Amino acid sequence: MVYLRFKAKAIRILKVLKIYGPVKNTIEYCCLFLRKYRIIARSRFVTFEHRYINCQADPNKKTVCVIVSCYNHLEYTKQAIDSYYAAIDDLHNYILIVMDDHSTDQTKSFFTQNARKYKNLCYFRYNNNMGLTQTWNDGTLFALKTLKADYIFIINNDVIMPEQTFYKLLTHFDRNKKIGAVGPLTNSPGYEPRQDIRHFYPAYRASDCRADVQATAEIIKHNRPVQLAHINGFFMGFPRKAFEKNIYSYILFKPYFFDPLNRNAGNEDEFLRRLKQGGFKILGAMDVFVFHYKDISQHRFAEGKVTRFRRDKNFSALNSIDET
């Protein structure tokens, strides 16, 4: 990569001249600058291989955009979409935005053939794999600028939502105007243990059956919300003002909400930190449960390249898996 070659060559020259020590920090800053703007320049001129837009909104209702980023694993994406349509209500305009990060399975063919069968669905497929953060930035910008969204949810493609999920989450924004982000309870809380369903339902047994997910949601529906320092990025909801007042930067007049340097990991951490610095609160909706497979949407770094993976999961053995 350009910045790595620049860094190595500069260090060799400066060590020969015996002045590397005094200018070490300057070299590190220049390398970071090159890396940052190389990534941003690449994302600024992103192109889509395919796009489909179908939006029919009632002007008398507020608009809620739900952004789903996906890379392969079509069977999970379809399951998430089916549960999404079962989870929405009639009080808002709901628009689903599917961001396909150049999947190599049958994702493209499925959406090109079936997108028209779904109500208010928009599908974008990148020409190249751009990373999770790029899909969040582009999906958010489209929702704010084109669809005039009042609320935005960013979710993974490996979740199952019970009925009334979005309605319950949206009520928290109505009750407290200082809420900048909200997240539900889940079976796979990652590094935010306070979102673990087992704190409120110790007898919980992991199950991806839609009826079981709905039954779990009924058990915790009377819980009170809790202010958190952070929420897991698999399912996050935001009001429009959270983005309008929290832009990371403008590059060539295009706003970036999530730091493009975090291509696949850590993208929500930096954003939530800026939200809190801006006076917003992060809320854990302890009365809402969303099932999360977790392994499907994880990423790992191997040999300097970002790869996506999932561990083989025996669905018949889900009840025996301890995901704490």
Protein backbone atom coordinates (compact mmCIF):
# COMPACT_ATOMS: atom_id res chain seq x y z
CA MET A 1 0.00 0.00 0.00
CA VAL A 2 1.14 3.54 -0.76
CA TYR A 3 1.32 4.83 2.80
CA LEU A 4 3.20 1.75 4.02
CA ARG A 5 5.82 2.05 1.26
CA PHE A 6 6.14 5.75 2.01
CA LYS A 7 6.57 5.06 5.72
CA ALA A 8 9.20 2.33 5.27
CA LYS A 9 11.24 4.38 2.80
CA ALA A 10 11.08 7.54 4.92
CA ILE A 11 12.18 5.68 8.04
CA ARG A 12 15.17 4.14 6.26
CA ILE A 13 16.34 7.51 4.94
CA LEU A 14 15.90 9.26 8.29
CA LYS A 15 17.74 6.54 10.17
CA VAL A 16 20.68 6.89 7.79
CA LEU A 17 20.65 10.63 8.44
CA LYS A 18 20.27 9.92 12.18
CA ILE A 19 17.30 12.26 12.56
CA TYR A 20 14.50 9.68 12.80
CA GLY A 21 13.89 10.25 16.52
CA PRO A 22 13.00 13.97 16.38
CA VAL A 23 10.63 13.58 13.43
CA LYS A 24 9.05 10.22 14.35
CA ASN A 25 5.68 11.74 15.27
CA THR A 26 5.59 13.78 12.06
CA ILE A 27 6.18 10.63 10.00
CA GLU A 28 3.39 8.79 11.82
CA TYR A 29 1.01 11.71 11.26
CA CYS A 30 1.80 11.88 7.53
CA CYS A 31 1.24 8.14 7.16
CA LEU A 32 -2.10 8.36 8.94
CA PHE A 33 -3.07 11.29 6.73
CA LEU A 34 -2.26 9.33 3.55
CA ARG A 35 -4.14 6.27 4.78
CA LYS A 36 -7.19 8.26 5.80
CA TYR A 37 -7.61 10.19 2.58
CA ARG A 38 -6.83 7.20 0.41
CA ILE A 39 -9.75 5.38 2.04
CA ILE A 40 -12.04 8.40 1.86
CA ALA A 41 -11.13 9.10 -1.77
CA ARG A 42 -11.93 5.50 -2.64
CA SER A 43 -15.29 5.65 -0.89
CA ARG A 44 -16.17 9.09 -2.30
CA PHE A 45 -16.38 7.77 -5.85
CA VAL A 46 -18.21 4.56 -5.03
CA THR A 47 -20.43 3.14 -7.76
CA PHE A 48 -23.34 0.75 -7.67
CA GLU A 49 -23.66 -2.24 -9.95
CA HIS A 50 -27.40 -2.40 -9.40
CA ARG A 51 -30.01 -0.29 -7.63
CA TYR A 52 -33.74 -0.64 -7.14
CA ILE A 53 -35.86 1.98 -5.36
CA ASN A 54 -39.50 1.50 -4.44
CA CYS A 55 -40.92 4.01 -1.95
CA GLN A 56 -44.56 4.91 -1.42
CA ALA A 57 -44.83 7.05 1.68
CA ASP A 58 -47.82 8.64 3.39
CA PRO A 59 -46.94 12.35 3.87
CA ASN A 60 -48.98 12.42 7.08
CA LYS A 61 -46.78 9.82 8.79
CA LYS A 62 -43.21 9.95 9.98
CA THR A 63 -40.69 7.98 7.95
CA VAL A 64 -38.56 5.22 9.48
CA CYS A 65 -35.71 3.83 7.39
CA VAL A 66 -34.19 0.47 8.29
CA ILE A 67 -30.74 -0.18 6.80
CA VAL A 68 -29.64 -3.81 6.43
CA SER A 69 -26.06 -4.44 5.34
CA CYS A 70 -25.35 -7.87 3.90
CA TYR A 71 -22.50 -9.88 2.45
CA ASN A 72 -23.55 -13.39 1.39
CA HIS A 73 -25.65 -15.67 3.65
CA LEU A 74 -28.80 -15.02 1.68
CA GLU A 75 -30.85 -17.45 3.79
CA TYR A 76 -30.27 -15.31 6.88
CA THR A 77 -30.97 -12.08 5.01
CA LYS A 78 -34.32 -13.43 3.83
CA GLN A 79 -35.19 -14.55 7.34
CA ALA A 80 -34.31 -11.11 8.73
CA ILE A 81 -36.43 -9.40 6.08
CA ASP A 82 -39.41 -11.65 6.77
CA SER A 83 -39.22 -10.86 10.48
CA TYR A 84 -38.84 -7.15 9.66
CA TYR A 85 -42.16 -7.07 7.80
CA ALA A 86 -43.81 -8.87 10.72
CA ALA A 87 -42.30 -6.35 13.17
CA ILE A 88 -43.40 -3.07 11.57
CA ASP A 89 -46.63 -1.19 12.36
CA ASP A 90 -49.10 1.01 10.46
CA LEU A 91 -48.36 4.20 12.38
CA HIS A 92 -45.21 5.09 10.42
CA ASN A 93 -43.83 4.90 6.90
CA TYR A 94 -41.30 2.06 6.97
CA ILE A 95 -38.71 1.79 4.20
CA LEU A 96 -36.20 -1.07 4.08
CA ILE A 97 -32.79 -0.27 2.55
CA VAL A 98 -30.70 -3.34 1.68
CA MET A 99 -27.01 -2.56 1.11
CA ASP A 100 -25.39 -5.51 -0.69
CA ASP A 101 -21.61 -5.28 -0.24
CA HIS A 102 -20.89 -7.19 -3.48
CA SER A 103 -22.08 -10.59 -2.26
CA THR A 104 -20.73 -13.60 -4.13
CA ASP A 105 -23.69 -15.92 -3.49
CA GLN A 106 -27.26 -15.68 -4.85
CA THR A 107 -28.08 -12.40 -3.07
CA LYS A 108 -27.99 -10.32 -6.26
CA SER A 109 -30.19 -12.64 -8.29
CA PHE A 110 -32.71 -12.95 -5.46
CA PHE A 111 -33.23 -9.21 -5.09
CA THR A 112 -33.20 -8.42 -8.81
CA GLN A 113 -35.94 -11.01 -9.29
CA ASN A 114 -37.96 -10.48 -6.11
CA ALA A 115 -37.45 -6.88 -4.92
CA ARG A 116 -40.77 -5.79 -6.45
CA LYS A 117 -42.62 -8.30 -4.29
CA TYR A 118 -41.69 -6.39 -1.14
CA LYS A 119 -43.35 -3.17 -0.07
CA ASN A 120 -41.13 -0.09 0.26
CA LEU A 121 -37.82 -1.84 -0.36
CA CYS A 122 -34.67 -0.26 -1.79
CA TYR A 123 -31.76 -2.42 -2.93
CA PHE A 124 -28.22 -1.23 -3.65
CA ARG A 125 -25.39 -3.48 -4.79
CA TYR A 126 -21.80 -2.19 -4.89
CA ASN A 127 -19.47 -2.79 -7.81
CA ASN A 128 -16.78 -3.82 -5.33
CA ASN A 129 -16.61 -4.89 -1.71
CA MET A 130 -16.45 -1.61 0.22
CA GLY A 131 -16.73 -2.70 3.85
CA LEU A 132 -19.42 -2.36 6.48
CA THR A 133 -18.79 1.30 7.33
CA GLN A 134 -19.26 2.39 3.71
CA THR A 135 -22.66 0.67 3.57
CA TRP A 136 -23.69 2.47 6.76
CA ASN A 137 -22.56 5.85 5.45
CA ASP A 138 -24.23 5.48 2.05
CA GLY A 139 -27.42 3.98 3.46
CA THR A 140 -27.70 6.74 6.06
CA LEU A 141 -27.08 9.51 3.53
CA PHE A 142 -29.72 8.08 1.18
CA ALA A 143 -32.22 7.82 4.04
CA LEU A 144 -31.62 11.40 5.22
CA LYS A 145 -31.23 13.19 1.91
CA THR A 146 -33.53 11.30 -0.46
CA LEU A 147 -36.12 9.68 1.79
CA LYS A 148 -36.17 12.47 4.43
CA ALA A 149 -36.14 9.90 7.22
CA ASP A 150 -37.25 10.96 10.70
CA TYR A 151 -35.67 7.88 12.27
CA ILE A 152 -32.99 5.45 11.10
CA PHE A 153 -32.29 1.92 12.27
CA ILE A 154 -29.10 0.11 11.33
CA ILE A 155 -29.34 -3.66 11.73
CA ASN A 156 -27.42 -6.79 10.80
CA ASN A 157 -28.74 -9.33 8.33
CA ASP A 158 -28.66 -12.13 10.94
CA VAL A 159 -31.42 -11.02 13.31
CA ILE A 160 -34.98 -12.10 14.06
CA MET A 161 -37.38 -9.43 15.33
CA PRO A 162 -40.66 -10.03 17.18
CA GLU A 163 -43.82 -8.06 16.52
CA GLN A 164 -43.98 -4.37 17.48
CA THR A 165 -40.18 -4.13 17.75
CA PHE A 166 -39.87 -0.75 16.05
CA TYR A 167 -42.96 0.74 17.65
CA LYS A 168 -41.61 0.01 21.14
CA LEU A 169 -38.18 1.42 20.31
CA LEU A 170 -39.63 4.57 18.76
CA THR A 171 -41.70 5.32 21.86
CA HIS A 172 -38.46 5.88 23.78
CA PHE A 173 -37.50 8.70 21.38
CA ASP A 174 -40.92 10.29 21.89
CA ARG A 175 -40.62 10.17 25.68
CA ASN A 176 -37.16 11.72 25.88
CA LYS A 177 -35.90 14.10 23.19
CA LYS A 178 -32.32 13.76 24.47
CA ILE A 179 -32.10 10.11 23.43
CA GLY A 180 -29.62 9.83 20.56
CA ALA A 181 -29.43 6.05 20.19
CA VAL A 182 -31.37 3.03 21.39
CA GLY A 183 -30.69 -0.71 21.33
CA PRO A 184 -32.64 -3.83 22.46
CA LEU A 185 -31.87 -6.82 24.64
CA THR A 186 -30.40 -9.81 22.84
CA ASN A 187 -29.03 -13.31 23.32
CA SER A 188 -25.60 -12.28 21.93
CA PRO A 189 -24.69 -8.96 23.57
CA GLY A 190 -21.03 -8.98 22.55
CA TYR A 191 -19.04 -6.47 24.60
CA GLU A 192 -22.13 -4.77 26.06
CA PRO A 193 -23.17 -7.31 28.73
CA ARG A 194 -26.00 -5.11 30.02
CA GLN A 195 -27.94 -5.95 26.85
CA ASP A 196 -27.89 -9.65 27.72
CA ILE A 197 -31.41 -11.10 27.95
CA ARG A 198 -30.24 -13.43 30.74
CA HIS A 199 -30.06 -10.53 33.22
CA PHE A 200 -33.86 -10.24 33.06
CA TYR A 201 -34.74 -13.80 32.02
CA PRO A 202 -32.22 -16.21 33.62
CA ALA A 203 -34.05 -19.26 32.27
CA TYR A 204 -33.65 -18.10 28.67
CA ARG A 205 -32.70 -20.83 26.20
CA ALA A 206 -31.39 -19.69 22.80
CA SER A 207 -33.81 -20.45 19.98
CA ASP A 208 -34.22 -19.00 16.50
CA CYS A 209 -37.82 -20.19 16.25
CA ARG A 210 -40.04 -17.18 15.52
CA ALA A 211 -42.59 -18.28 18.14
CA ASP A 212 -39.87 -18.57 20.80
CA VAL A 213 -38.51 -15.12 19.94
CA GLN A 214 -42.01 -13.67 20.29
CA ALA A 215 -42.55 -15.49 23.59
CA THR A 216 -39.30 -14.08 24.99
CA ALA A 217 -40.35 -10.57 23.94
CA GLU A 218 -43.61 -10.98 25.86
CA ILE A 219 -41.79 -11.97 29.06
CA ILE A 220 -39.65 -8.81 29.22
CA LYS A 221 -42.15 -6.32 27.77
CA HIS A 222 -42.70 -4.51 31.11
CA ASN A 223 -39.02 -3.79 31.81
CA ARG A 224 -37.91 -0.19 32.21
CA PRO A 225 -35.24 1.35 29.92
CA VAL A 226 -31.70 1.88 31.21
CA GLN A 227 -29.15 4.49 30.19
CA LEU A 228 -25.99 2.82 28.85
CA ALA A 229 -22.50 3.96 27.94
CA HIS A 230 -22.62 1.93 24.75
CA ILE A 231 -24.89 -0.35 22.70
CA ASN A 232 -24.04 -3.26 20.45
CA GLY A 233 -23.87 -2.34 16.76
CA PHE A 234 -25.96 -5.30 15.52
CA PHE A 235 -29.19 -3.32 16.03
CA MET A 236 -29.23 0.45 16.64
CA GLY A 237 -31.89 3.12 16.28
CA PHE A 238 -31.33 6.87 15.89
CA PRO A 239 -33.44 10.01 15.44
CA ARG A 240 -32.62 12.24 12.47
CA LYS A 241 -31.05 14.92 14.68
CA ALA A 242 -28.43 12.43 15.89
CA PHE A 243 -26.92 12.49 12.39
CA GLU A 244 -27.54 16.14 11.59
CA LYS A 245 -25.57 17.20 14.67
CA ASN A 246 -22.96 14.45 14.51
CA ILE A 247 -21.24 14.49 11.11
CA TYR A 248 -17.74 13.03 11.18
CA SER A 249 -16.45 15.15 8.29
CA TYR A 250 -17.20 16.54 4.82
CA ILE A 251 -15.05 15.32 1.93
CA LEU A 252 -15.79 16.96 -1.43
CA PHE A 253 -19.17 18.11 -0.05
CA LYS A 254 -20.22 14.58 0.89
CA PRO A 255 -20.96 14.04 4.61
CA TYR A 256 -19.54 11.05 6.48
CA PHE A 257 -21.31 9.99 9.66
CA PHE A 258 -19.12 7.00 10.54
CA ASP A 259 -15.32 7.18 10.44
CA PRO A 260 -14.25 5.51 7.14
CA LEU A 261 -10.95 4.49 8.73
CA ASN A 262 -12.94 1.86 10.64
CA ARG A 263 -13.72 -0.17 7.55
CA ASN A 264 -15.43 -3.08 9.27
CA ALA A 265 -14.86 -2.87 13.02
CA GLY A 266 -15.35 -0.20 15.65
CA ASN A 267 -17.61 1.90 13.44
CA GLU A 268 -20.34 2.35 16.06
CA ASP A 269 -17.94 3.01 18.98
CA GLU A 270 -16.54 6.26 17.63
CA PHE A 271 -19.98 7.47 16.51
CA LEU A 272 -21.61 6.79 19.89
CA ARG A 273 -18.75 8.54 21.66
CA ARG A 274 -19.37 11.67 19.58
CA LEU A 275 -23.10 11.39 20.32
CA LYS A 276 -22.48 11.50 24.06
CA GLN A 277 -20.07 14.39 23.67
CA GLY A 278 -22.86 16.24 21.87
CA GLY A 279 -25.19 15.86 24.85
CA PHE A 280 -27.21 12.86 23.66
CA LYS A 281 -28.01 9.82 25.80
CA ILE A 282 -27.60 6.15 24.85
CA LEU A 283 -30.56 4.04 25.91
CA GLY A 284 -30.95 0.31 26.43
CA ALA A 285 -34.56 -0.67 25.66
CA MET A 286 -34.92 -3.47 28.18
CA ASP A 287 -38.52 -4.07 27.08
CA VAL A 288 -37.48 -5.15 23.56
CA PHE A 289 -35.77 -8.39 22.53
CA VAL A 290 -34.08 -9.18 19.19
CA PHE A 291 -32.52 -12.57 18.43
CA HIS A 292 -29.01 -12.35 16.97
CA TYR A 293 -27.05 -15.20 15.38
CA LYS A 294 -23.85 -13.14 15.78
CA ASP A 295 -21.44 -15.46 13.93
CA ILE A 296 -22.95 -14.62 10.54
CA SER A 297 -22.06 -10.93 10.60
CA GLN A 298 -18.73 -11.03 12.41
CA HIS A 299 -15.53 -10.04 10.69
CA ARG A 300 -11.94 -10.99 11.33
CA PHE A 301 -8.55 -9.78 10.23
CA ALA A 302 -6.29 -12.43 8.69
CA GLU A 303 -3.00 -11.93 6.88
CA GLY A 304 -3.63 -8.22 6.56
CA LYS A 305 -6.94 -8.65 4.76
CA VAL A 306 -10.47 -8.28 6.03
CA THR A 307 -12.43 -11.50 5.62
CA ARG A 308 -15.97 -12.40 6.57
CA PHE A 309 -16.74 -15.68 8.20
CA ARG A 310 -19.16 -17.78 10.14
CA ARG A 311 -18.57 -20.81 12.25
CA ASP A 312 -20.63 -23.87 11.37
CA LYS A 313 -23.69 -23.77 13.58
CA ASN A 314 -25.75 -26.82 14.40
CA PHE A 315 -29.25 -25.37 14.58
CA SER A 316 -30.61 -28.45 16.34
CA ALA A 317 -28.11 -27.80 19.15
CA LEU A 318 -28.93 -24.12 19.67
CA ASN A 319 -30.40 -24.77 23.11
CA SER A 320 -27.10 -26.21 24.32
CA ILE A 321 -25.03 -23.19 23.27
CA ASP A 322 -23.97 -20.80 26.01
CA GLU A 323 -23.28 -17.48 24.29
CA THR A 324 -22.23 -15.47 27.33
